[in-house]
Amino acid sequence: MSPVRSAHSRTASAVLDADFLEVRAKLLEVAASLDRIDRAVAAARVANDERLAGIAQSLAILADGRPDRAERIQLVFSDEYQAGWNVAR
């Protein structure tokens, strides 16, 4: 069994070849989910929902072409660190 090589040891073409179908499927899944929300009863009620705003912000991050997209999207959906969060009160 050969070890799994990291993306850093493969060419961009090899990474794209390996990941394209999975990425395509995930993008289609996101698009289908957004279409279902748009077609649902009372869709206007969620138009200003912060979760949709986070999705929109994440899509903009994907499109901006800058590095560290996964980290930046994770931060969109993360709460800021609160010192002492784990201390009993």
PDB file of N, CA and C in Angstrom:
ATOM      1  N   MET A   1       0.845  -1.175   0.000  1.00  0.00           N
ATOM      2  CA  MET A   1       0.000   0.000   0.000  1.00  0.00           C
ATOM      3  C   MET A   1       0.890   1.238   0.000  1.00  0.00           C
ATOM      4  N   SER A   2       0.639   2.146  -0.930  1.00  0.00           N
ATOM      5  CA  SER A   2       1.449   3.353  -1.014  1.00  0.00           C
ATOM      6  C   SER A   2       0.891   4.422  -0.085  1.00  0.00           C
ATOM      7  N   PRO A   3       1.759   5.226   0.505  1.00  0.00           N
ATOM      8  CA  PRO A   3       1.285   6.282   1.412  1.00  0.00           C
ATOM      9  C   PRO A   3       0.558   7.361   0.629  1.00  0.00           C
ATOM     10  N   VAL A   4      -0.386   8.023   1.281  1.00  0.00           N
ATOM     11  CA  VAL A   4      -1.115   9.133   0.681  1.00  0.00           C
ATOM     12  C   VAL A   4      -0.187  10.334   0.644  1.00  0.00           C
ATOM     13  N   ARG A   5      -0.092  10.950  -0.513  1.00  0.00           N
ATOM     14  CA  ARG A   5       0.773  12.119  -0.651  1.00  0.00           C
ATOM     15  C   ARG A   5      -0.038  13.381  -0.416  1.00  0.00           C
ATOM     16  N   SER A   6       0.581  14.356   0.210  1.00  0.00           N
ATOM     17  CA  SER A   6      -0.110  15.613   0.466  1.00  0.00           C
ATOM     18  C   SER A   6      -0.238  16.413  -0.822  1.00  0.00           C
ATOM     19  N   ALA A   7      -1.124  17.381  -0.810  1.00  0.00           N
ATOM     20  CA  ALA A   7      -1.318  18.238  -1.979  1.00  0.00           C
ATOM     21  C   ALA A   7      -0.033  18.977  -2.332  1.00  0.00           C
ATOM     22  N   HIS A   8       0.837  19.223  -1.349  1.00  0.00           N
ATOM     23  CA  HIS A   8       2.084  19.945  -1.598  1.00  0.00           C
ATOM     24  C   HIS A   8       3.063  19.115  -2.413  1.00  0.00           C
ATOM     25  N   SER A   9       2.913  17.795  -2.426  1.00  0.00           N
ATOM     26  CA  SER A   9       3.841  16.969  -3.179  1.00  0.00           C
ATOM     27  C   SER A   9       3.275  16.554  -4.529  1.00  0.00           C
ATOM     28  N   ARG A  10       2.072  17.042  -4.859  1.00  0.00           N
ATOM     29  CA  ARG A  10       1.450  16.746  -6.150  1.00  0.00           C
ATOM     30  C   ARG A  10       1.341  18.021  -6.972  1.00  0.00           C
ATOM     31  N   THR A  11       1.189  17.850  -8.250  1.00  0.00           N
ATOM     32  CA  THR A  11       0.988  19.023  -9.101  1.00  0.00           C
ATOM     33  C   THR A  11      -0.454  19.509  -8.955  1.00  0.00           C
ATOM     34  N   ALA A  12      -0.672  20.755  -9.298  1.00  0.00           N
ATOM     35  CA  ALA A  12      -2.027  21.307  -9.253  1.00  0.00           C
ATOM     36  C   ALA A  12      -2.954  20.510 -10.160  1.00  0.00           C
ATOM     37  N   SER A  13      -2.444  20.083 -11.289  1.00  0.00           N
ATOM     38  CA  SER A  13      -3.244  19.286 -12.214  1.00  0.00           C
ATOM     39  C   SER A  13      -3.656  17.955 -11.588  1.00  0.00           C
ATOM     40  N   ALA A  14      -2.743  17.331 -10.860  1.00  0.00           N
ATOM     41  CA  ALA A  14      -3.049  16.059 -10.206  1.00  0.00           C
ATOM     42  C   ALA A  14      -4.098  16.240  -9.118  1.00  0.00           C
ATOM     43  N   VAL A  15      -3.998  17.329  -8.353  1.00  0.00           N
ATOM     44  CA  VAL A  15      -4.988  17.615  -7.307  1.00  0.00           C
ATOM     45  C   VAL A  15      -6.356  17.855  -7.938  1.00  0.00           C
ATOM     46  N   LEU A  16      -6.392  18.646  -8.999  1.00  0.00           N
ATOM     47  CA  LEU A  16      -7.654  18.915  -9.688  1.00  0.00           C
ATOM     48  C   LEU A  16      -8.253  17.629 -10.253  1.00  0.00           C
ATOM     49  N   ASP A  17      -7.420  16.809 -10.867  1.00  0.00           N
ATOM     50  CA  ASP A  17      -7.900  15.527 -11.402  1.00  0.00           C
ATOM     51  C   ASP A  17      -8.511  14.665 -10.299  1.00  0.00           C
ATOM     52  N   ALA A  18      -7.869  14.645  -9.147  1.00  0.00           N
ATOM     53  CA  ALA A  18      -8.327  13.791  -8.052  1.00  0.00           C
ATOM     54  C   ALA A  18      -9.572  14.335  -7.364  1.00  0.00           C
ATOM     55  N   ASP A  19      -9.701  15.650  -7.273  1.00  0.00           N
ATOM     56  CA  ASP A  19     -10.755  16.256  -6.458  1.00  0.00           C
ATOM     57  C   ASP A  19     -11.934  16.827  -7.238  1.00  0.00           C
ATOM     58  N   PHE A  20     -11.820  16.955  -8.551  1.00  0.00           N
ATOM     59  CA  PHE A  20     -12.819  17.672  -9.332  1.00  0.00           C
ATOM     60  C   PHE A  20     -14.235  17.151  -9.132  1.00  0.00           C
ATOM     61  N   LEU A  21     -14.447  15.863  -9.280  1.00  0.00           N
ATOM     62  CA  LEU A  21     -15.814  15.334  -9.207  1.00  0.00           C
ATOM     63  C   LEU A  21     -16.432  15.548  -7.830  1.00  0.00           C
ATOM     64  N   GLU A  22     -15.647  15.382  -6.784  1.00  0.00           N
ATOM     65  CA  GLU A  22     -16.168  15.603  -5.431  1.00  0.00           C
ATOM     66  C   GLU A  22     -16.505  17.075  -5.208  1.00  0.00           C
ATOM     67  N   VAL A  23     -15.649  17.973  -5.658  1.00  0.00           N
ATOM     68  CA  VAL A  23     -15.907  19.408  -5.511  1.00  0.00           C
ATOM     69  C   VAL A  23     -17.150  19.796  -6.304  1.00  0.00           C
ATOM     70  N   ARG A  24     -17.244  19.303  -7.522  1.00  0.00           N
ATOM     71  CA  ARG A  24     -18.416  19.580  -8.362  1.00  0.00           C
ATOM     72  C   ARG A  24     -19.696  19.127  -7.677  1.00  0.00           C
ATOM     73  N   ALA A  25     -19.677  17.933  -7.102  1.00  0.00           N
ATOM     74  CA  ALA A  25     -20.857  17.396  -6.413  1.00  0.00           C
ATOM     75  C   ALA A  25     -21.237  18.259  -5.219  1.00  0.00           C
ATOM     76  N   LYS A  26     -20.251  18.718  -4.462  1.00  0.00           N
ATOM     77  CA  LYS A  26     -20.538  19.556  -3.301  1.00  0.00           C
ATOM     78  C   LYS A  26     -21.097  20.913  -3.706  1.00  0.00           C
ATOM     79  N   LEU A  27     -20.585  21.485  -4.799  1.00  0.00           N
ATOM     80  CA  LEU A  27     -21.122  22.757  -5.284  1.00  0.00           C
ATOM     81  C   LEU A  27     -22.559  22.590  -5.747  1.00  0.00           C
ATOM     82  N   LEU A  28     -22.846  21.497  -6.437  1.00  0.00           N
ATOM     83  CA  LEU A  28     -24.223  21.231  -6.861  1.00  0.00           C
ATOM     84  C   LEU A  28     -25.143  21.040  -5.661  1.00  0.00           C
ATOM     85  N   GLU A  29     -24.633  20.411  -4.619  1.00  0.00           N
ATOM     86  CA  GLU A  29     -25.425  20.210  -3.398  1.00  0.00           C
ATOM     87  C   GLU A  29     -25.759  21.554  -2.749  1.00  0.00           C
ATOM     88  N   VAL A  30     -24.792  22.450  -2.684  1.00  0.00           N
ATOM     89  CA  VAL A  30     -25.038  23.785  -2.126  1.00  0.00           C
ATOM     90  C   VAL A  30     -26.068  24.527  -2.977  1.00  0.00           C
ATOM     91  N   ALA A  31     -25.901  24.491  -4.289  1.00  0.00           N
ATOM     92  CA  ALA A  31     -26.843  25.173  -5.182  1.00  0.00           C
ATOM     93  C   ALA A  31     -28.252  24.612  -5.023  1.00  0.00           C
ATOM     94  N   ALA A  32     -28.363  23.298  -4.932  1.00  0.00           N
ATOM     95  CA  ALA A  32     -29.683  22.673  -4.775  1.00  0.00           C
ATOM     96  C   ALA A  32     -30.319  23.073  -3.445  1.00  0.00           C
ATOM     97  N   SER A  33     -29.531  23.135  -2.387  1.00  0.00           N
ATOM     98  CA  SER A  33     -30.059  23.544  -1.082  1.00  0.00           C
ATOM     99  C   SER A  33     -30.577  24.978  -1.133  1.00  0.00           C
ATOM    100  N   LEU A  34     -29.811  25.867  -1.756  1.00  0.00           N
ATOM    101  CA  LEU A  34     -30.255  27.256  -1.874  1.00  0.00           C
ATOM    102  C   LEU A  34     -31.508  27.363  -2.733  1.00  0.00           C
ATOM    103  N   ASP A  35     -31.592  26.563  -3.796  1.00  0.00           N
ATOM    104  CA  ASP A  35     -32.812  26.544  -4.615  1.00  0.00           C
ATOM    105  C   ASP A  35     -34.015  26.069  -3.803  1.00  0.00           C
ATOM    106  N   ARG A  36     -33.830  25.050  -2.969  1.00  0.00           N
ATOM    107  CA  ARG A  36     -34.941  24.557  -2.134  1.00  0.00           C
ATOM    108  C   ARG A  36     -35.402  25.631  -1.157  1.00  0.00           C
ATOM    109  N   ILE A  37     -34.469  26.362  -0.586  1.00  0.00           N
ATOM    110  CA  ILE A  37     -34.836  27.459   0.325  1.00  0.00           C
ATOM    111  C   ILE A  37     -35.626  28.505  -0.440  1.00  0.00           C
ATOM    112  N   ASP A  38     -35.162  28.864  -1.631  1.00  0.00           N
ATOM    113  CA  ASP A  38     -35.851  29.882  -2.442  1.00  0.00           C
ATOM    114  C   ASP A  38     -37.273  29.462  -2.807  1.00  0.00           C
ATOM    115  N   ARG A  39     -37.477  28.174  -3.057  1.00  0.00           N
ATOM    116  CA  ARG A  39     -38.791  27.690  -3.488  1.00  0.00           C
ATOM    117  C   ARG A  39     -39.718  27.360  -2.319  1.00  0.00           C
ATOM    118  N   ALA A  40     -39.197  27.323  -1.125  1.00  0.00           N
ATOM    119  CA  ALA A  40     -39.990  26.921   0.036  1.00  0.00           C
ATOM    120  C   ALA A  40     -41.031  27.973   0.395  1.00  0.00           C
ATOM    121  N   VAL A  41     -42.054  27.524   1.078  1.00  0.00           N
ATOM    122  CA  VAL A  41     -43.093  28.421   1.573  1.00  0.00           C
ATOM    123  C   VAL A  41     -42.455  29.394   2.558  1.00  0.00           C
ATOM    124  N   ALA A  42     -42.817  30.640   2.455  1.00  0.00           N
ATOM    125  CA  ALA A  42     -42.334  31.703   3.350  1.00  0.00           C
ATOM    126  C   ALA A  42     -40.826  31.905   3.246  1.00  0.00           C
ATOM    127  N   ALA A  43     -40.286  31.760   2.054  1.00  0.00           N
ATOM    128  CA  ALA A  43     -38.846  31.961   1.855  1.00  0.00           C
ATOM    129  C   ALA A  43     -38.414  33.374   2.248  1.00  0.00           C
ATOM    130  N   ALA A  44     -39.295  34.344   2.076  1.00  0.00           N
ATOM    131  CA  ALA A  44     -38.954  35.730   2.419  1.00  0.00           C
ATOM    132  C   ALA A  44     -38.633  35.884   3.897  1.00  0.00           C
ATOM    133  N   ARG A  45     -39.204  35.022   4.740  1.00  0.00           N
ATOM    134  CA  ARG A  45     -38.959  35.121   6.183  1.00  0.00           C
ATOM    135  C   ARG A  45     -37.508  34.848   6.554  1.00  0.00           C
ATOM    136  N   VAL A  46     -36.787  34.121   5.716  1.00  0.00           N
ATOM    137  CA  VAL A  46     -35.391  33.802   6.040  1.00  0.00           C
ATOM    138  C   VAL A  46     -34.404  34.636   5.230  1.00  0.00           C
ATOM    139  N   ALA A  47     -34.916  35.573   4.444  1.00  0.00           N
ATOM    140  CA  ALA A  47     -34.049  36.383   3.580  1.00  0.00           C
ATOM    141  C   ALA A  47     -32.953  37.096   4.362  1.00  0.00           C
ATOM    142  N   ASN A  48     -33.227  37.493   5.589  1.00  0.00           N
ATOM    143  CA  ASN A  48     -32.234  38.195   6.409  1.00  0.00           C
ATOM    144  C   ASN A  48     -31.614  37.315   7.483  1.00  0.00           C
ATOM    145  N   ASP A  49     -31.775  36.009   7.352  1.00  0.00           N
ATOM    146  CA  ASP A  49     -31.223  35.064   8.322  1.00  0.00           C
ATOM    147  C   ASP A  49     -29.695  35.113   8.283  1.00  0.00           C
ATOM    148  N   GLU A  50     -29.076  35.189   9.460  1.00  0.00           N
ATOM    149  CA  GLU A  50     -27.619  35.294   9.520  1.00  0.00           C
ATOM    150  C   GLU A  50     -26.924  34.063   8.933  1.00  0.00           C
ATOM    151  N   ARG A  51     -27.587  32.911   8.940  1.00  0.00           N
ATOM    152  CA  ARG A  51     -26.980  31.717   8.347  1.00  0.00           C
ATOM    153  C   ARG A  51     -26.857  31.867   6.839  1.00  0.00           C
ATOM    154  N   LEU A  52     -27.896  32.428   6.200  1.00  0.00           N
ATOM    155  CA  LEU A  52     -27.807  32.680   4.756  1.00  0.00           C
ATOM    156  C   LEU A  52     -26.749  33.733   4.454  1.00  0.00           C
ATOM    157  N   ALA A  53     -26.648  34.717   5.313  1.00  0.00           N
ATOM    158  CA  ALA A  53     -25.611  35.732   5.135  1.00  0.00           C
ATOM    159  C   ALA A  53     -24.229  35.085   5.228  1.00  0.00           C
ATOM    160  N   GLY A  54     -24.061  34.145   6.140  1.00  0.00           N
ATOM    161  CA  GLY A  54     -22.792  33.428   6.254  1.00  0.00           C
ATOM    162  C   GLY A  54     -22.492  32.598   5.025  1.00  0.00           C
ATOM    163  N   ILE A  55     -23.523  31.981   4.470  1.00  0.00           N
ATOM    164  CA  ILE A  55     -23.343  31.211   3.238  1.00  0.00           C
ATOM    165  C   ILE A  55     -22.927  32.145   2.106  1.00  0.00           C
ATOM    166  N   ALA A  56     -23.597  33.278   1.988  1.00  0.00           N
ATOM    167  CA  ALA A  56     -23.257  34.246   0.937  1.00  0.00           C
ATOM    168  C   ALA A  56     -21.829  34.757   1.106  1.00  0.00           C
ATOM    169  N   GLN A  57     -21.444  35.039   2.336  1.00  0.00           N
ATOM    170  CA  GLN A  57     -20.084  35.510   2.605  1.00  0.00           C
ATOM    171  C   GLN A  57     -19.075  34.420   2.252  1.00  0.00           C
ATOM    172  N   SER A  58     -19.407  33.188   2.544  1.00  0.00           N
ATOM    173  CA  SER A  58     -18.519  32.066   2.229  1.00  0.00           C
ATOM    174  C   SER A  58     -18.365  31.879   0.723  1.00  0.00           C
ATOM    175  N   LEU A  59     -19.455  32.037  -0.015  1.00  0.00           N
ATOM    176  CA  LEU A  59     -19.372  31.932  -1.469  1.00  0.00           C
ATOM    177  C   LEU A  59     -18.489  33.034  -2.045  1.00  0.00           C
ATOM    178  N   ALA A  60     -18.554  34.226  -1.470  1.00  0.00           N
ATOM    179  CA  ALA A  60     -17.692  35.317  -1.911  1.00  0.00           C
ATOM    180  C   ALA A  60     -16.228  34.989  -1.632  1.00  0.00           C
ATOM    181  N   ILE A  61     -15.960  34.368  -0.488  1.00  0.00           N
ATOM    182  CA  ILE A  61     -14.591  33.963  -0.155  1.00  0.00           C
ATOM    183  C   ILE A  61     -14.097  32.944  -1.176  1.00  0.00           C
ATOM    184  N   LEU A  62     -14.947  31.980  -1.518  1.00  0.00           N
ATOM    185  CA  LEU A  62     -14.549  30.978  -2.511  1.00  0.00           C
ATOM    186  C   LEU A  62     -14.175  31.635  -3.833  1.00  0.00           C
ATOM    187  N   ALA A  63     -14.880  32.686  -4.200  1.00  0.00           N
ATOM    188  CA  ALA A  63     -14.674  33.321  -5.495  1.00  0.00           C
ATOM    189  C   ALA A  63     -13.535  34.343  -5.513  1.00  0.00           C
ATOM    190  N   ASP A  64     -13.030  34.743  -4.347  1.00  0.00           N
ATOM    191  CA  ASP A  64     -12.059  35.842  -4.343  1.00  0.00           C
ATOM    192  C   ASP A  64     -10.657  35.437  -4.781  1.00  0.00           C
ATOM    193  N   GLY A  65     -10.374  34.132  -4.845  1.00  0.00           N
ATOM    194  CA  GLY A  65      -9.082  33.680  -5.341  1.00  0.00           C
ATOM    195  C   GLY A  65      -7.917  33.855  -4.389  1.00  0.00           C
ATOM    196  N   ARG A  66      -8.177  34.356  -3.198  1.00  0.00           N
ATOM    197  CA  ARG A  66      -7.102  34.537  -2.215  1.00  0.00           C
ATOM    198  C   ARG A  66      -6.848  33.225  -1.484  1.00  0.00           C
ATOM    199  N   PRO A  67      -5.687  33.058  -0.875  1.00  0.00           N
ATOM    200  CA  PRO A  67      -5.365  31.809  -0.172  1.00  0.00           C
ATOM    201  C   PRO A  67      -6.131  31.660   1.148  1.00  0.00           C
ATOM    202  N   ASP A  68      -6.029  30.491   1.724  1.00  0.00           N
ATOM    203  CA  ASP A  68      -6.593  30.180   3.041  1.00  0.00           C
ATOM    204  C   ASP A  68      -8.122  30.286   3.067  1.00  0.00           C
ATOM    205  N   ARG A  69      -8.753  29.869   1.981  1.00  0.00           N
ATOM    206  CA  ARG A  69     -10.213  29.948   1.908  1.00  0.00           C
ATOM    207  C   ARG A  69     -10.888  29.119   2.990  1.00  0.00           C
ATOM    208  N   ALA A  70     -10.403  27.901   3.229  1.00  0.00           N
ATOM    209  CA  ALA A  70     -11.045  27.054   4.239  1.00  0.00           C
ATOM    210  C   ALA A  70     -10.992  27.698   5.620  1.00  0.00           C
ATOM    211  N   GLU A  71      -9.857  28.254   5.979  1.00  0.00           N
ATOM    212  CA  GLU A  71      -9.730  28.921   7.284  1.00  0.00           C
ATOM    213  C   GLU A  71     -10.663  30.124   7.377  1.00  0.00           C
ATOM    214  N   ARG A  72     -10.710  30.920   6.319  1.00  0.00           N
ATOM    215  CA  ARG A  72     -11.547  32.119   6.349  1.00  0.00           C
ATOM    216  C   ARG A  72     -13.030  31.770   6.410  1.00  0.00           C
ATOM    217  N   ILE A  73     -13.434  30.700   5.721  1.00  0.00           N
ATOM    218  CA  ILE A  73     -14.835  30.282   5.801  1.00  0.00           C
ATOM    219  C   ILE A  73     -15.143  29.729   7.183  1.00  0.00           C
ATOM    220  N   GLN A  74     -14.229  28.970   7.767  1.00  0.00           N
ATOM    221  CA  GLN A  74     -14.444  28.465   9.127  1.00  0.00           C
ATOM    222  C   GLN A  74     -14.668  29.629  10.089  1.00  0.00           C
ATOM    223  N   LEU A  75     -13.923  30.700   9.911  1.00  0.00           N
ATOM    224  CA  LEU A  75     -14.070  31.861  10.790  1.00  0.00           C
ATOM    225  C   LEU A  75     -15.421  32.549  10.611  1.00  0.00           C
ATOM    226  N   VAL A  76     -15.993  32.498   9.409  1.00  0.00           N
ATOM    227  CA  VAL A  76     -17.324  33.075   9.183  1.00  0.00           C
ATOM    228  C   VAL A  76     -18.342  32.422  10.109  1.00  0.00           C
ATOM    229  N   PHE A  77     -18.215  31.115  10.311  1.00  0.00           N
ATOM    230  CA  PHE A  77     -19.203  30.366  11.086  1.00  0.00           C
ATOM    231  C   PHE A  77     -18.774  30.107  12.531  1.00  0.00           C
ATOM    232  N   SER A  78     -17.692  30.734  12.965  1.00  0.00           N
ATOM    233  CA  SER A  78     -17.183  30.515  14.321  1.00  0.00           C
ATOM    234  C   SER A  78     -17.476  31.709  15.214  1.00  0.00           C
ATOM    235  N   ASP A  79     -17.699  31.408  16.471  1.00  0.00           N
ATOM    236  CA  ASP A  79     -17.826  32.470  17.461  1.00  0.00           C
ATOM    237  C   ASP A  79     -16.435  32.952  17.843  1.00  0.00           C
ATOM    238  N   GLU A  80     -16.340  34.210  18.238  1.00  0.00           N
ATOM    239  CA  GLU A  80     -15.055  34.708  18.707  1.00  0.00           C
ATOM    240  C   GLU A  80     -14.699  34.032  20.018  1.00  0.00           C
ATOM    241  N   TYR A  81     -13.398  33.855  20.239  1.00  0.00           N
ATOM    242  CA  TYR A  81     -12.922  33.210  21.458  1.00  0.00           C
ATOM    243  C   TYR A  81     -13.273  34.069  22.666  1.00  0.00           C
ATOM    244  N   GLN A  82     -13.787  33.411  23.671  1.00  0.00           N
ATOM    245  CA  GLN A  82     -14.113  34.076  24.925  1.00  0.00           C
ATOM    246  C   GLN A  82     -13.223  33.509  26.008  1.00  0.00           C
ATOM    247  N   ALA A  83     -12.319  34.310  26.519  1.00  0.00           N
ATOM    248  CA  ALA A  83     -11.428  33.867  27.596  1.00  0.00           C
ATOM    249  C   ALA A  83     -12.272  33.427  28.783  1.00  0.00           C
ATOM    250  N   GLY A  84     -11.905  32.314  29.385  1.00  0.00           N
ATOM    251  CA  GLY A  84     -12.612  31.819  30.560  1.00  0.00           C
ATOM    252  C   GLY A  84     -13.893  31.066  30.239  1.00  0.00           C
ATOM    253  N   TRP A  85     -14.100  30.706  28.988  1.00  0.00           N
ATOM    254  CA  TRP A  85     -15.334  29.994  28.596  1.00  0.00           C
ATOM    255  C   TRP A  85     -15.505  28.681  29.338  1.00  0.00           C
ATOM    256  N   ASN A  86     -14.401  28.077  29.767  1.00  0.00           N
ATOM    257  CA  ASN A  86     -14.478  26.774  30.390  1.00  0.00           C
ATOM    258  C   ASN A  86     -14.310  26.804  31.904  1.00  0.00           C
ATOM    259  N   VAL A  87     -14.397  27.968  32.504  1.00  0.00           N
ATOM    260  CA  VAL A  87     -14.246  28.106  33.942  1.00  0.00           C
ATOM    261  C   VAL A  87     -15.634  28.108  34.583  1.00  0.00           C
ATOM    262  N   ALA A  88     -15.796  27.249  35.563  1.00  0.00           N
ATOM    263  CA  ALA A  88     -17.085  27.185  36.274  1.00  0.00           C
ATOM    264  C   ALA A  88     -17.346  28.520  36.975  1.00  0.00           C
ATOM    265  N   ARG A  89     -18.601  28.898  36.989  1.00  0.00           N
ATOM    266  CA  ARG A  89     -18.964  30.179  37.638  1.00  0.00           C
ATOM    267  C   ARG A  89     -19.742  29.928  38.882  1.00  0.00           C
TER     268      ARG A  89
END
